[in-house]
Amino acid sequence: MTDQPAEPEPLHVFLSDAAEHALSQLRPGELDAVEKLVERLAVHPRLGIPVPGGTDPDVDDYTARTDPASDSGDRISVVYRYHPGMSAIFVTWVIAGP
């Protein structure tokens, strides 16, 4: 018997075409930082900062930033929607650059 609470099941994560394209343009360290962030979001979907003004009351919009990338030191922004009813996250944008 353990006193530790069970870690929640990870959510399904889906990427928009725009997010997939942005990921293909990242440096290896940046890509690694995004992948680690998305793994955390799949377990803790409300980790990001809420984005107000969503049009669907059943969906929550968030933005989150990665830790600094190992190769460039840059931080990448990830914009996503959390669908509690579908147990899913939909990454709409991955934003890198100045």
PDB file of N, CA and C in Angstrom:
ATOM      1  N   MET A   1       0.841  -1.179   0.000  1.00  0.00           N
ATOM      2  CA  MET A   1       0.000   0.000   0.000  1.00  0.00           C
ATOM      3  C   MET A   1       0.887   1.243   0.000  1.00  0.00           C
ATOM      4  N   THR A   2       0.535   2.204  -0.817  1.00  0.00           N
ATOM      5  CA  THR A   2       1.341   3.412  -0.943  1.00  0.00           C
ATOM      6  C   THR A   2       0.513   4.640  -0.590  1.00  0.00           C
ATOM      7  N   ASP A   3       1.187   5.643  -0.037  1.00  0.00           N
ATOM      8  CA  ASP A   3       0.502   6.884   0.335  1.00  0.00           C
ATOM      9  C   ASP A   3       0.499   7.892  -0.799  1.00  0.00           C
ATOM     10  N   GLN A   4       1.204   7.591  -1.884  1.00  0.00           N
ATOM     11  CA  GLN A   4       1.286   8.507  -3.017  1.00  0.00           C
ATOM     12  C   GLN A   4       0.011   8.429  -3.850  1.00  0.00           C
ATOM     13  N   PRO A   5      -0.555   9.593  -4.210  1.00  0.00           N
ATOM     14  CA  PRO A   5      -1.731   9.543  -5.090  1.00  0.00           C
ATOM     15  C   PRO A   5      -1.332   9.046  -6.476  1.00  0.00           C
ATOM     16  N   ALA A   6      -2.230   8.349  -7.104  1.00  0.00           N
ATOM     17  CA  ALA A   6      -1.964   7.830  -8.446  1.00  0.00           C
ATOM     18  C   ALA A   6      -1.882   8.989  -9.436  1.00  0.00           C
ATOM     19  N   GLU A   7      -0.935   8.906 -10.341  1.00  0.00           N
ATOM     20  CA  GLU A   7      -0.796   9.906 -11.403  1.00  0.00           C
ATOM     21  C   GLU A   7      -1.968   9.724 -12.368  1.00  0.00           C
ATOM     22  N   PRO A   8      -2.616  10.814 -12.780  1.00  0.00           N
ATOM     23  CA  PRO A   8      -3.741  10.657 -13.702  1.00  0.00           C
ATOM     24  C   PRO A   8      -3.290  10.086 -15.047  1.00  0.00           C
ATOM     25  N   GLU A   9      -4.209   9.434 -15.722  1.00  0.00           N
ATOM     26  CA  GLU A   9      -3.923   8.905 -17.061  1.00  0.00           C
ATOM     27  C   GLU A   9      -3.644  10.080 -18.001  1.00  0.00           C
ATOM     28  N   PRO A  10      -2.614   9.993 -18.838  1.00  0.00           N
ATOM     29  CA  PRO A  10      -2.352  11.078 -19.795  1.00  0.00           C
ATOM     30  C   PRO A  10      -3.504  11.237 -20.784  1.00  0.00           C
ATOM     31  N   LEU A  11      -3.745  12.466 -21.158  1.00  0.00           N
ATOM     32  CA  LEU A  11      -4.768  12.768 -22.150  1.00  0.00           C
ATOM     33  C   LEU A  11      -4.237  12.468 -23.545  1.00  0.00           C
ATOM     34  N   HIS A  12      -5.145  12.368 -24.488  1.00  0.00           N
ATOM     35  CA  HIS A  12      -4.759  12.255 -25.890  1.00  0.00           C
ATOM     36  C   HIS A  12      -4.311  13.639 -26.350  1.00  0.00           C
ATOM     37  N   VAL A  13      -3.270  13.697 -27.150  1.00  0.00           N
ATOM     38  CA  VAL A  13      -2.757  14.970 -27.661  1.00  0.00           C
ATOM     39  C   VAL A  13      -2.808  14.925 -29.175  1.00  0.00           C
ATOM     40  N   PHE A  14      -3.428  15.951 -29.758  1.00  0.00           N
ATOM     41  CA  PHE A  14      -3.528  16.072 -31.208  1.00  0.00           C
ATOM     42  C   PHE A  14      -2.886  17.387 -31.621  1.00  0.00           C
ATOM     43  N   LEU A  15      -2.287  17.413 -32.801  1.00  0.00           N
ATOM     44  CA  LEU A  15      -1.630  18.614 -33.323  1.00  0.00           C
ATOM     45  C   LEU A  15      -2.341  19.103 -34.570  1.00  0.00           C
ATOM     46  N   SER A  16      -2.506  20.409 -34.669  1.00  0.00           N
ATOM     47  CA  SER A  16      -3.028  20.982 -35.906  1.00  0.00           C
ATOM     48  C   SER A  16      -1.968  20.874 -36.991  1.00  0.00           C
ATOM     49  N   ASP A  17      -2.366  21.066 -38.238  1.00  0.00           N
ATOM     50  CA  ASP A  17      -1.393  21.072 -39.336  1.00  0.00           C
ATOM     51  C   ASP A  17      -0.359  22.167 -39.125  1.00  0.00           C
ATOM     52  N   ALA A  18      -0.816  23.330 -38.647  1.00  0.00           N
ATOM     53  CA  ALA A  18       0.104  24.448 -38.414  1.00  0.00           C
ATOM     54  C   ALA A  18       1.115  24.099 -37.325  1.00  0.00           C
ATOM     55  N   ALA A  19       0.666  23.429 -36.263  1.00  0.00           N
ATOM     56  CA  ALA A  19       1.584  23.033 -35.186  1.00  0.00           C
ATOM     57  C   ALA A  19       2.594  22.007 -35.698  1.00  0.00           C
ATOM     58  N   GLU A  20       2.141  21.039 -36.478  1.00  0.00           N
ATOM     59  CA  GLU A  20       3.066  20.044 -37.028  1.00  0.00           C
ATOM     60  C   GLU A  20       4.114  20.706 -37.918  1.00  0.00           C
ATOM     61  N   HIS A  21       3.682  21.665 -38.730  1.00  0.00           N
ATOM     62  CA  HIS A  21       4.625  22.373 -39.603  1.00  0.00           C
ATOM     63  C   HIS A  21       5.644  23.144 -38.761  1.00  0.00           C
ATOM     64  N   ALA A  22       5.178  23.832 -37.730  1.00  0.00           N
ATOM     65  CA  ALA A  22       6.088  24.600 -36.872  1.00  0.00           C
ATOM     66  C   ALA A  22       7.101  23.674 -36.194  1.00  0.00           C
ATOM     67  N   LEU A  23       6.652  22.508 -35.738  1.00  0.00           N
ATOM     68  CA  LEU A  23       7.569  21.563 -35.098  1.00  0.00           C
ATOM     69  C   LEU A  23       8.669  21.112 -36.050  1.00  0.00           C
ATOM     70  N   SER A  24       8.324  20.961 -37.325  1.00  0.00           N
ATOM     71  CA  SER A  24       9.321  20.514 -38.301  1.00  0.00           C
ATOM     72  C   SER A  24      10.405  21.562 -38.544  1.00  0.00           C
ATOM     73  N   GLN A  25      10.148  22.805 -38.153  1.00  0.00           N
ATOM     74  CA  GLN A  25      11.105  23.889 -38.367  1.00  0.00           C
ATOM     75  C   GLN A  25      12.003  24.148 -37.155  1.00  0.00           C
ATOM     76  N   LEU A  26      11.760  23.463 -36.035  1.00  0.00           N
ATOM     77  CA  LEU A  26      12.510  23.715 -34.808  1.00  0.00           C
ATOM     78  C   LEU A  26      13.859  23.020 -34.800  1.00  0.00           C
ATOM     79  N   ARG A  27      14.785  23.590 -34.042  1.00  0.00           N
ATOM     80  CA  ARG A  27      16.079  22.950 -33.789  1.00  0.00           C
ATOM     81  C   ARG A  27      15.848  21.773 -32.849  1.00  0.00           C
ATOM     82  N   PRO A  28      16.786  20.826 -32.806  1.00  0.00           N
ATOM     83  CA  PRO A  28      16.591  19.645 -31.950  1.00  0.00           C
ATOM     84  C   PRO A  28      16.311  19.978 -30.477  1.00  0.00           C
ATOM     85  N   GLY A  29      17.035  20.924 -29.900  1.00  0.00           N
ATOM     86  CA  GLY A  29      16.814  21.287 -28.500  1.00  0.00           C
ATOM     87  C   GLY A  29      15.463  21.928 -28.283  1.00  0.00           C
ATOM     88  N   GLU A  30      15.018  22.728 -29.260  1.00  0.00           N
ATOM     89  CA  GLU A  30      13.698  23.360 -29.170  1.00  0.00           C
ATOM     90  C   GLU A  30      12.600  22.305 -29.262  1.00  0.00           C
ATOM     91  N   LEU A  31      12.767  21.375 -30.187  1.00  0.00           N
ATOM     92  CA  LEU A  31      11.794  20.295 -30.347  1.00  0.00           C
ATOM     93  C   LEU A  31      11.700  19.470 -29.063  1.00  0.00           C
ATOM     94  N   ASP A  32      12.831  19.174 -28.467  1.00  0.00           N
ATOM     95  CA  ASP A  32      12.851  18.421 -27.216  1.00  0.00           C
ATOM     96  C   ASP A  32      12.107  19.184 -26.116  1.00  0.00           C
ATOM     97  N   ALA A  33      12.318  20.493 -26.034  1.00  0.00           N
ATOM     98  CA  ALA A  33      11.633  21.308 -25.020  1.00  0.00           C
ATOM     99  C   ALA A  33      10.121  21.285 -25.227  1.00  0.00           C
ATOM    100  N   VAL A  34       9.687  21.357 -26.482  1.00  0.00           N
ATOM    101  CA  VAL A  34       8.245  21.317 -26.776  1.00  0.00           C
ATOM    102  C   VAL A  34       7.687  19.945 -26.417  1.00  0.00           C
ATOM    103  N   GLU A  35       8.379  18.889 -26.786  1.00  0.00           N
ATOM    104  CA  GLU A  35       7.894  17.534 -26.481  1.00  0.00           C
ATOM    105  C   GLU A  35       7.754  17.325 -24.976  1.00  0.00           C
ATOM    106  N   LYS A  36       8.719  17.814 -24.194  1.00  0.00           N
ATOM    107  CA  LYS A  36       8.637  17.682 -22.740  1.00  0.00           C
ATOM    108  C   LYS A  36       7.459  18.463 -22.179  1.00  0.00           C
ATOM    109  N   LEU A  37       7.229  19.666 -22.703  1.00  0.00           N
ATOM    110  CA  LEU A  37       6.088  20.457 -22.250  1.00  0.00           C
ATOM    111  C   LEU A  37       4.774  19.754 -22.579  1.00  0.00           C
ATOM    112  N   VAL A  38       4.645  19.250 -23.783  1.00  0.00           N
ATOM    113  CA  VAL A  38       3.409  18.576 -24.186  1.00  0.00           C
ATOM    114  C   VAL A  38       3.174  17.330 -23.332  1.00  0.00           C
ATOM    115  N   GLU A  39       4.229  16.620 -22.974  1.00  0.00           N
ATOM    116  CA  GLU A  39       4.085  15.465 -22.074  1.00  0.00           C
ATOM    117  C   GLU A  39       3.526  15.903 -20.723  1.00  0.00           C
ATOM    118  N   ARG A  40       4.016  17.033 -20.204  1.00  0.00           N
ATOM    119  CA  ARG A  40       3.493  17.552 -18.920  1.00  0.00           C
ATOM    120  C   ARG A  40       2.042  17.983 -19.063  1.00  0.00           C
ATOM    121  N   LEU A  41       1.723  18.629 -20.187  1.00  0.00           N
ATOM    122  CA  LEU A  41       0.347  19.094 -20.400  1.00  0.00           C
ATOM    123  C   LEU A  41      -0.626  17.922 -20.509  1.00  0.00           C
ATOM    124  N   ALA A  42      -0.168  16.808 -21.047  1.00  0.00           N
ATOM    125  CA  ALA A  42      -1.040  15.643 -21.196  1.00  0.00           C
ATOM    126  C   ALA A  42      -1.473  15.099 -19.834  1.00  0.00           C
ATOM    127  N   VAL A  43      -0.669  15.366 -18.809  1.00  0.00           N
ATOM    128  CA  VAL A  43      -1.009  14.911 -17.458  1.00  0.00           C
ATOM    129  C   VAL A  43      -1.640  16.037 -16.637  1.00  0.00           C
ATOM    130  N   HIS A  44      -1.195  17.255 -16.888  1.00  0.00           N
ATOM    131  CA  HIS A  44      -1.690  18.429 -16.150  1.00  0.00           C
ATOM    132  C   HIS A  44      -2.151  19.486 -17.160  1.00  0.00           C
ATOM    133  N   PRO A  45      -3.323  19.309 -17.748  1.00  0.00           N
ATOM    134  CA  PRO A  45      -3.739  20.163 -18.859  1.00  0.00           C
ATOM    135  C   PRO A  45      -4.001  21.628 -18.502  1.00  0.00           C
ATOM    136  N   ARG A  46      -4.189  21.925 -17.249  1.00  0.00           N
ATOM    137  CA  ARG A  46      -4.437  23.321 -16.859  1.00  0.00           C
ATOM    138  C   ARG A  46      -3.157  24.025 -16.409  1.00  0.00           C
ATOM    139  N   LEU A  47      -2.018  23.490 -16.801  1.00  0.00           N
ATOM    140  CA  LEU A  47      -0.723  24.041 -16.443  1.00  0.00           C
ATOM    141  C   LEU A  47      -0.482  25.400 -17.112  1.00  0.00           C
ATOM    142  N   GLY A  48      -1.042  25.592 -18.290  1.00  0.00           N
ATOM    143  CA  GLY A  48      -0.830  26.834 -19.028  1.00  0.00           C
ATOM    144  C   GLY A  48      -1.621  28.002 -18.463  1.00  0.00           C
ATOM    145  N   ILE A  49      -1.451  29.147 -19.088  1.00  0.00           N
ATOM    146  CA  ILE A  49      -2.171  30.360 -18.711  1.00  0.00           C
ATOM    147  C   ILE A  49      -3.473  30.394 -19.506  1.00  0.00           C
ATOM    148  N   PRO A  50      -4.616  30.541 -18.834  1.00  0.00           N
ATOM    149  CA  PRO A  50      -5.891  30.578 -19.563  1.00  0.00           C
ATOM    150  C   PRO A  50      -5.940  31.761 -20.545  1.00  0.00           C
ATOM    151  N   VAL A  51      -6.505  31.498 -21.701  1.00  0.00           N
ATOM    152  CA  VAL A  51      -6.696  32.529 -22.722  1.00  0.00           C
ATOM    153  C   VAL A  51      -8.193  32.838 -22.759  1.00  0.00           C
ATOM    154  N   PRO A  52      -8.578  34.048 -22.387  1.00  0.00           N
ATOM    155  CA  PRO A  52     -10.009  34.373 -22.362  1.00  0.00           C
ATOM    156  C   PRO A  52     -10.582  34.548 -23.759  1.00  0.00           C
ATOM    157  N   GLY A  53     -11.895  34.472 -23.833  1.00  0.00           N
ATOM    158  CA  GLY A  53     -12.585  34.781 -25.083  1.00  0.00           C
ATOM    159  C   GLY A  53     -12.905  33.598 -25.960  1.00  0.00           C
ATOM    160  N   GLY A  54     -12.783  32.385 -25.448  1.00  0.00           N
ATOM    161  CA  GLY A  54     -13.117  31.217 -26.249  1.00  0.00           C
ATOM    162  C   GLY A  54     -14.592  31.198 -26.613  1.00  0.00           C
ATOM    163  N   THR A  55     -14.902  30.609 -27.733  1.00  0.00           N
ATOM    164  CA  THR A  55     -16.286  30.589 -28.206  1.00  0.00           C
ATOM    165  C   THR A  55     -17.041  29.329 -27.813  1.00  0.00           C
ATOM    166  N   ASP A  56     -16.331  28.318 -27.345  1.00  0.00           N
ATOM    167  CA  ASP A  56     -16.969  27.060 -26.966  1.00  0.00           C
ATOM    168  C   ASP A  56     -16.909  26.918 -25.452  1.00  0.00           C
ATOM    169  N   PRO A  57     -18.059  26.905 -24.763  1.00  0.00           N
ATOM    170  CA  PRO A  57     -18.036  26.834 -23.301  1.00  0.00           C
ATOM    171  C   PRO A  57     -17.520  25.495 -22.761  1.00  0.00           C
ATOM    172  N   ASP A  58     -17.450  24.473 -23.599  1.00  0.00           N
ATOM    173  CA  ASP A  58     -16.972  23.163 -23.158  1.00  0.00           C
ATOM    174  C   ASP A  58     -15.475  22.961 -23.390  1.00  0.00           C
ATOM    175  N   VAL A  59     -14.801  23.996 -23.882  1.00  0.00           N
ATOM    176  CA  VAL A  59     -13.385  23.903 -24.224  1.00  0.00           C
ATOM    177  C   VAL A  59     -12.651  25.056 -23.552  1.00  0.00           C
ATOM    178  N   ASP A  60     -11.492  24.757 -22.979  1.00  0.00           N
ATOM    179  CA  ASP A  60     -10.664  25.781 -22.346  1.00  0.00           C
ATOM    180  C   ASP A  60      -9.425  26.021 -23.190  1.00  0.00           C
ATOM    181  N   ASP A  61      -9.126  27.298 -23.460  1.00  0.00           N
ATOM    182  CA  ASP A  61      -7.957  27.674 -24.246  1.00  0.00           C
ATOM    183  C   ASP A  61      -6.830  28.115 -23.315  1.00  0.00           C
ATOM    184  N   TYR A  62      -5.605  27.691 -23.646  1.00  0.00           N
ATOM    185  CA  TYR A  62      -4.431  28.000 -22.825  1.00  0.00           C
ATOM    186  C   TYR A  62      -3.230  28.293 -23.709  1.00  0.00           C
ATOM    187  N   THR A  63      -2.255  28.958 -23.099  1.00  0.00           N
ATOM    188  CA  THR A  63      -0.935  29.082 -23.702  1.00  0.00           C
ATOM    189  C   THR A  63       0.088  28.717 -22.636  1.00  0.00           C
ATOM    190  N   ALA A  64       1.149  28.066 -23.054  1.00  0.00           N
ATOM    191  CA  ALA A  64       2.216  27.659 -22.134  1.00  0.00           C
ATOM    192  C   ALA A  64       3.550  27.860 -22.833  1.00  0.00           C
ATOM    193  N   ARG A  65       4.593  28.082 -22.035  1.00  0.00           N
ATOM    194  CA  ARG A  65       5.929  28.260 -22.596  1.00  0.00           C
ATOM    195  C   ARG A  65       6.839  27.153 -22.108  1.00  0.00           C
ATOM    196  N   THR A  66       7.728  26.748 -23.002  1.00  0.00           N
ATOM    197  CA  THR A  66       8.683  25.696 -22.666  1.00  0.00           C
ATOM    198  C   THR A  66       9.762  26.242 -21.735  1.00  0.00           C
ATOM    199  N   ASP A  67      10.515  25.325 -21.162  1.00  0.00           N
ATOM    200  CA  ASP A  67      11.762  25.696 -20.507  1.00  0.00           C
ATOM    201  C   ASP A  67      12.717  26.122 -21.620  1.00  0.00           C
ATOM    202  N   PRO A  68      13.786  26.839 -21.308  1.00  0.00           N
ATOM    203  CA  PRO A  68      14.728  27.229 -22.362  1.00  0.00           C
ATOM    204  C   PRO A  68      15.289  25.998 -23.089  1.00  0.00           C
ATOM    205  N   ALA A  69      15.367  26.100 -24.407  1.00  0.00           N
ATOM    206  CA  ALA A  69      15.899  25.009 -25.226  1.00  0.00           C
ATOM    207  C   ALA A  69      17.384  24.826 -24.937  1.00  0.00           C
ATOM    208  N   SER A  70      17.838  23.573 -24.972  1.00  0.00           N
ATOM    209  CA  SER A  70      19.232  23.269 -24.644  1.00  0.00           C
ATOM    210  C   SER A  70      20.213  23.827 -25.663  1.00  0.00           C
ATOM    211  N   ASP A  71      19.786  23.972 -26.923  1.00  0.00           N
ATOM    212  CA  ASP A  71      20.734  24.434 -27.936  1.00  0.00           C
ATOM    213  C   ASP A  71      20.667  25.932 -28.197  1.00  0.00           C
ATOM    214  N   SER A  72      19.487  26.520 -28.156  1.00  0.00           N
ATOM    215  CA  SER A  72      19.364  27.944 -28.480  1.00  0.00           C
ATOM    216  C   SER A  72      19.070  28.806 -27.257  1.00  0.00           C
ATOM    217  N   GLY A  73      18.571  28.190 -26.187  1.00  0.00           N
ATOM    218  CA  GLY A  73      18.171  28.960 -25.013  1.00  0.00           C
ATOM    219  C   GLY A  73      16.814  29.618 -25.175  1.00  0.00           C
ATOM    220  N   ASP A  74      16.219  29.462 -26.365  1.00  0.00           N
ATOM    221  CA  ASP A  74      14.919  30.075 -26.628  1.00  0.00           C
ATOM    222  C   ASP A  74      13.806  29.311 -25.921  1.00  0.00           C
ATOM    223  N   ARG A  75      12.746  30.026 -25.638  1.00  0.00           N
ATOM    224  CA  ARG A  75      11.528  29.418 -25.099  1.00  0.00           C
ATOM    225  C   ARG A  75      10.478  29.449 -26.199  1.00  0.00           C
ATOM    226  N   ILE A  76       9.714  28.393 -26.304  1.00  0.00           N
ATOM    227  CA  ILE A  76       8.706  28.243 -27.352  1.00  0.00           C
ATOM    228  C   ILE A  76       7.327  28.331 -26.699  1.00  0.00           C
ATOM    229  N   SER A  77       6.412  29.046 -27.339  1.00  0.00           N
ATOM    230  CA  SER A  77       5.035  29.129 -26.841  1.00  0.00           C
ATOM    231  C   SER A  77       4.183  28.064 -27.521  1.00  0.00           C
ATOM    232  N   VAL A  78       3.356  27.409 -26.726  1.00  0.00           N
ATOM    233  CA  VAL A  78       2.441  26.391 -27.222  1.00  0.00           C
ATOM    234  C   VAL A  78       1.028  26.842 -26.868  1.00  0.00           C
ATOM    235  N   VAL A  79       0.191  26.986 -27.883  1.00  0.00           N
ATOM    236  CA  VAL A  79      -1.205  27.384 -27.688  1.00  0.00           C
ATOM    237  C   VAL A  79      -2.044  26.133 -27.894  1.00  0.00           C
ATOM    238  N   TYR A  80      -2.918  25.854 -26.931  1.00  0.00           N
ATOM    239  CA  TYR A  80      -3.677  24.606 -27.014  1.00  0.00           C
ATOM    240  C   TYR A  80      -5.078  24.769 -26.439  1.00  0.00           C
ATOM    241  N   ARG A  81      -5.917  23.808 -26.785  1.00  0.00           N
ATOM    242  CA  ARG A  81      -7.286  23.741 -26.280  1.00  0.00           C
ATOM    243  C   ARG A  81      -7.427  22.448 -25.488  1.00  0.00           C
ATOM    244  N   TYR A  82      -8.016  22.553 -24.328  1.00  0.00           N
ATOM    245  CA  TYR A  82      -8.253  21.384 -23.485  1.00  0.00           C
ATOM    246  C   TYR A  82      -9.735  21.028 -23.588  1.00  0.00           C
ATOM    247  N   HIS A  83      -9.995  19.811 -24.026  1.00  0.00           N
ATOM    248  CA  HIS A  83     -11.362  19.293 -24.172  1.00  0.00           C
ATOM    249  C   HIS A  83     -11.600  18.267 -23.060  1.00  0.00           C
ATOM    250  N   PRO A  84     -12.102  18.688 -21.885  1.00  0.00           N
ATOM    251  CA  PRO A  84     -12.291  17.732 -20.790  1.00  0.00           C
ATOM    252  C   PRO A  84     -13.211  16.572 -21.162  1.00  0.00           C
ATOM    253  N   GLY A  85     -14.270  16.841 -21.879  1.00  0.00           N
ATOM    254  CA  GLY A  85     -15.216  15.786 -22.241  1.00  0.00           C
ATOM    255  C   GLY A  85     -14.624  14.732 -23.153  1.00  0.00           C
ATOM    256  N   MET A  86     -13.618  15.118 -23.939  1.00  0.00           N
ATOM    257  CA  MET A  86     -12.974  14.184 -24.862  1.00  0.00           C
ATOM    258  C   MET A  86     -11.658  13.639 -24.289  1.00  0.00           C
ATOM    259  N   SER A  87     -11.286  14.106 -23.099  1.00  0.00           N
ATOM    260  CA  SER A  87      -9.997  13.734 -22.499  1.00  0.00           C
ATOM    261  C   SER A  87      -8.861  13.962 -23.490  1.00  0.00           C
ATOM    262  N   ALA A  88      -8.852  15.178 -24.062  1.00  0.00           N
ATOM    263  CA  ALA A  88      -7.879  15.452 -25.118  1.00  0.00           C
ATOM    264  C   ALA A  88      -7.385  16.898 -25.066  1.00  0.00           C
ATOM    265  N   ILE A  89      -6.185  17.070 -25.604  1.00  0.00           N
ATOM    266  CA  ILE A  89      -5.597  18.385 -25.831  1.00  0.00           C
ATOM    267  C   ILE A  89      -5.367  18.519 -27.323  1.00  0.00           C
ATOM    268  N   PHE A  90      -5.692  19.698 -27.853  1.00  0.00           N
ATOM    269  CA  PHE A  90      -5.473  19.972 -29.266  1.00  0.00           C
ATOM    270  C   PHE A  90      -4.503  21.155 -29.350  1.00  0.00           C
ATOM    271  N   VAL A  91      -3.280  20.889 -29.779  1.00  0.00           N
ATOM    272  CA  VAL A  91      -2.276  21.946 -29.927  1.00  0.00           C
ATOM    273  C   VAL A  91      -2.553  22.659 -31.241  1.00  0.00           C
ATOM    274  N   THR A  92      -2.917  23.934 -31.137  1.00  0.00           N
ATOM    275  CA  THR A  92      -3.265  24.697 -32.328  1.00  0.00           C
ATOM    276  C   THR A  92      -2.073  25.430 -32.933  1.00  0.00           C
ATOM    277  N   TRP A  93      -1.193  25.946 -32.080  1.00  0.00           N
ATOM    278  CA  TRP A  93      -0.047  26.723 -32.561  1.00  0.00           C
ATOM    279  C   TRP A  93       1.196  26.408 -31.733  1.00  0.00           C
ATOM    280  N   VAL A  94       2.324  26.397 -32.387  1.00  0.00           N
ATOM    281  CA  VAL A  94       3.629  26.347 -31.759  1.00  0.00           C
ATOM    282  C   VAL A  94       4.367  27.576 -32.286  1.00  0.00           C
ATOM    283  N   ILE A  95       4.709  28.493 -31.384  1.00  0.00           N
ATOM    284  CA  ILE A  95       5.245  29.791 -31.804  1.00  0.00           C
ATOM    285  C   ILE A  95       6.688  29.923 -31.327  1.00  0.00           C
ATOM    286  N   ALA A  96       7.593  30.049 -32.277  1.00  0.00           N
ATOM    287  CA  ALA A  96       9.013  30.215 -31.964  1.00  0.00           C
ATOM    288  C   ALA A  96       9.527  31.439 -32.697  1.00  0.00           C
ATOM    289  N   GLY A  97      10.531  32.040 -32.112  1.00  0.00           N
ATOM    290  CA  GLY A  97      11.147  33.178 -32.781  1.00  0.00           C
ATOM    291  C   GLY A  97      11.066  34.430 -31.933  1.00  0.00           C
ATOM    292  N   PRO A  98      11.615  35.501 -32.474  1.00  0.00           N
ATOM    293  CA  PRO A  98      11.659  36.749 -31.708  1.00  0.00           C
ATOM    294  C   PRO A  98      10.299  37.370 -31.514  1.00  0.00           C
TER     295      PRO A  98
END
